[in-house]
Amino acid sequence: MNTFELTIAAYDSILYRGNATMLIVSTPEGEIGIEAHHEPFLAILKEDSELRFSTADGSTQTARIRRGLLSFRENRCILTVEAADSAYVPGGRRNN
């Protein structure tokens, strides 16, 4: 299975870090899907939007964000976000 390293970070903690098979985010220009080995990419995330990602075990997680940035390079994706909620984090807690 093709995966990439996904890190979702808020200013004060890591919300998620692990392998993912797919990430879908909204930008001001529209929705973007990211899979393993995507070309290098930078994007501003649409304010008050939702992101979705599939983990290596097949589960799908979602989160509402207020705003954020995405960077994808060398099969690593980093999202720096201001989270509107942390419901997608197991148990509703942040992973530090």
C-alpha atoms as a PDB file:
ATOM      1  CA  MET A   1       0.000   0.000   0.000  1.00  0.00           C
ATOM      2  CA  ASN A   2       1.349   3.433  -0.922  1.00  0.00           C
ATOM      3  CA  THR A   3       1.388   5.790   2.034  1.00  0.00           C
ATOM      4  CA  PHE A   4       2.886   9.140   2.935  1.00  0.00           C
ATOM      5  CA  GLU A   5       3.835  10.681   6.246  1.00  0.00           C
ATOM      6  CA  LEU A   6       1.144  13.094   7.455  1.00  0.00           C
ATOM      7  CA  THR A   7       1.602  15.592  10.266  1.00  0.00           C
ATOM      8  CA  ILE A   8      -1.188  17.932  11.345  1.00  0.00           C
ATOM      9  CA  ALA A   9       0.167  20.568  13.700  1.00  0.00           C
ATOM     10  CA  ALA A  10      -1.455  23.410  15.612  1.00  0.00           C
ATOM     11  CA  TYR A  11       0.584  26.203  17.119  1.00  0.00           C
ATOM     12  CA  ASP A  12       0.754  24.438  20.495  1.00  0.00           C
ATOM     13  CA  SER A  13       0.729  20.703  19.686  1.00  0.00           C
ATOM     14  CA  ILE A  14       0.771  17.900  17.144  1.00  0.00           C
ATOM     15  CA  LEU A  15      -2.838  16.942  16.389  1.00  0.00           C
ATOM     16  CA  TYR A  16      -1.960  13.919  14.250  1.00  0.00           C
ATOM     17  CA  ARG A  17       1.193  12.195  13.071  1.00  0.00           C
ATOM     18  CA  GLY A  18       1.132   8.951  11.111  1.00  0.00           C
ATOM     19  CA  ASN A  19       0.872   7.356   7.693  1.00  0.00           C
ATOM     20  CA  ALA A  20      -1.958   8.206   5.331  1.00  0.00           C
ATOM     21  CA  THR A  21      -3.105   6.930   1.952  1.00  0.00           C
ATOM     22  CA  MET A  22      -5.178   9.978   0.931  1.00  0.00           C
ATOM     23  CA  LEU A  23      -5.739  13.559   2.062  1.00  0.00           C
ATOM     24  CA  ILE A  24      -8.473  15.866   0.797  1.00  0.00           C
ATOM     25  CA  VAL A  25      -8.352  19.587   1.612  1.00  0.00           C
ATOM     26  CA  SER A  26     -10.093  22.717   0.377  1.00  0.00           C
ATOM     27  CA  THR A  27      -8.168  25.689  -0.972  1.00  0.00           C
ATOM     28  CA  PRO A  28      -9.608  29.007  -2.137  1.00  0.00           C
ATOM     29  CA  GLU A  29      -9.396  27.572  -5.704  1.00  0.00           C
ATOM     30  CA  GLY A  30     -11.181  24.284  -4.912  1.00  0.00           C
ATOM     31  CA  GLU A  31     -10.744  20.831  -3.425  1.00  0.00           C
ATOM     32  CA  ILE A  32      -7.415  18.985  -3.761  1.00  0.00           C
ATOM     33  CA  GLY A  33      -6.615  15.309  -3.242  1.00  0.00           C
ATOM     34  CA  ILE A  34      -3.117  14.244  -2.202  1.00  0.00           C
ATOM     35  CA  GLU A  35      -1.801  10.687  -2.492  1.00  0.00           C
ATOM     36  CA  ALA A  36       1.620   9.135  -1.929  1.00  0.00           C
ATOM     37  CA  HIS A  37       4.435  10.454  -4.139  1.00  0.00           C
ATOM     38  CA  HIS A  38       2.522  13.583  -5.135  1.00  0.00           C
ATOM     39  CA  GLU A  39       4.621  16.289  -6.758  1.00  0.00           C
ATOM     40  CA  PRO A  40       5.951  18.983  -4.373  1.00  0.00           C
ATOM     41  CA  PHE A  41       3.112  21.299  -3.460  1.00  0.00           C
ATOM     42  CA  LEU A  42       2.341  24.332  -1.278  1.00  0.00           C
ATOM     43  CA  ALA A  43      -1.175  25.614  -0.603  1.00  0.00           C
ATOM     44  CA  ILE A  44      -3.165  27.943   1.593  1.00  0.00           C
ATOM     45  CA  LEU A  45      -6.184  26.135   3.016  1.00  0.00           C
ATOM     46  CA  LYS A  46      -9.640  27.617   2.694  1.00  0.00           C
ATOM     47  CA  GLU A  47     -10.846  29.300   5.869  1.00  0.00           C
ATOM     48  CA  ASP A  48     -13.522  27.453   7.855  1.00  0.00           C
ATOM     49  CA  SER A  49     -13.195  24.250   5.843  1.00  0.00           C
ATOM     50  CA  GLU A  50     -12.952  20.527   6.439  1.00  0.00           C
ATOM     51  CA  LEU A  51     -10.061  18.178   5.784  1.00  0.00           C
ATOM     52  CA  ARG A  52     -10.361  14.413   5.362  1.00  0.00           C
ATOM     53  CA  PHE A  53      -7.691  11.751   5.361  1.00  0.00           C
ATOM     54  CA  SER A  54      -7.503   7.983   5.172  1.00  0.00           C
ATOM     55  CA  THR A  55      -5.050   6.214   7.440  1.00  0.00           C
ATOM     56  CA  ALA A  56      -2.972   3.161   6.565  1.00  0.00           C
ATOM     57  CA  ASP A  57      -5.464   0.927   8.425  1.00  0.00           C
ATOM     58  CA  GLY A  58      -8.304   2.134   6.178  1.00  0.00           C
ATOM     59  CA  SER A  59     -10.128   4.429   8.578  1.00  0.00           C
ATOM     60  CA  THR A  60     -11.218   7.884   7.458  1.00  0.00           C
ATOM     61  CA  GLN A  61     -10.757  10.888   9.748  1.00  0.00           C
ATOM     62  CA  THR A  62     -12.157  14.409   9.387  1.00  0.00           C
ATOM     63  CA  ALA A  63     -11.522  17.760  11.044  1.00  0.00           C
ATOM     64  CA  ARG A  64     -12.870  21.286  10.765  1.00  0.00           C
ATOM     65  CA  ILE A  65     -10.187  23.935  10.518  1.00  0.00           C
ATOM     66  CA  ARG A  66     -10.317  27.699  10.750  1.00  0.00           C
ATOM     67  CA  ARG A  67      -7.308  28.257   8.475  1.00  0.00           C
ATOM     68  CA  GLY A  68      -4.004  26.662   7.579  1.00  0.00           C
ATOM     69  CA  LEU A  69      -1.132  25.868   5.234  1.00  0.00           C
ATOM     70  CA  LEU A  70      -0.146  22.658   3.463  1.00  0.00           C
ATOM     71  CA  SER A  71       3.319  21.578   2.359  1.00  0.00           C
ATOM     72  CA  PHE A  72       3.989  18.312   0.494  1.00  0.00           C
ATOM     73  CA  ARG A  73       7.560  17.309  -0.330  1.00  0.00           C
ATOM     74  CA  GLU A  74       9.526  14.048  -0.459  1.00  0.00           C
ATOM     75  CA  ASN A  75       6.429  11.992   0.432  1.00  0.00           C
ATOM     76  CA  ARG A  76       5.802  14.039   3.584  1.00  0.00           C
ATOM     77  CA  CYS A  77       2.805  16.280   4.134  1.00  0.00           C
ATOM     78  CA  ILE A  78       2.707  18.900   6.865  1.00  0.00           C
ATOM     79  CA  LEU A  79      -0.483  20.794   7.637  1.00  0.00           C
ATOM     80  CA  THR A  80      -0.120  23.751   9.971  1.00  0.00           C
ATOM     81  CA  VAL A  81      -3.622  24.624  11.110  1.00  0.00           C
ATOM     82  CA  GLU A  82      -5.759  26.538  13.505  1.00  0.00           C
ATOM     83  CA  ALA A  83      -8.187  23.790  14.387  1.00  0.00           C
ATOM     84  CA  ALA A  84     -11.879  24.447  14.880  1.00  0.00           C
ATOM     85  CA  ASP A  85     -12.200  21.083  16.629  1.00  0.00           C
ATOM     86  CA  SER A  86     -10.180  17.996  17.391  1.00  0.00           C
ATOM     87  CA  ALA A  87     -12.950  15.419  16.908  1.00  0.00           C
ATOM     88  CA  TYR A  88     -10.806  13.393  14.505  1.00  0.00           C
ATOM     89  CA  VAL A  89      -8.116  12.818  17.117  1.00  0.00           C
ATOM     90  CA  PRO A  90      -8.637   9.466  18.918  1.00  0.00           C
ATOM     91  CA  GLY A  91     -10.651  10.151  22.054  1.00  0.00           C
ATOM     92  CA  GLY A  92     -10.967  13.812  21.080  1.00  0.00           C
ATOM     93  CA  ARG A  93      -7.505  14.464  22.525  1.00  0.00           C
ATOM     94  CA  ARG A  94      -4.461  15.964  20.884  1.00  0.00           C
ATOM     95  CA  ASN A  95      -1.421  13.764  20.275  1.00  0.00           C
ATOM     96  CA  ASN A  96       1.649  15.476  21.770  1.00  0.00           C
END
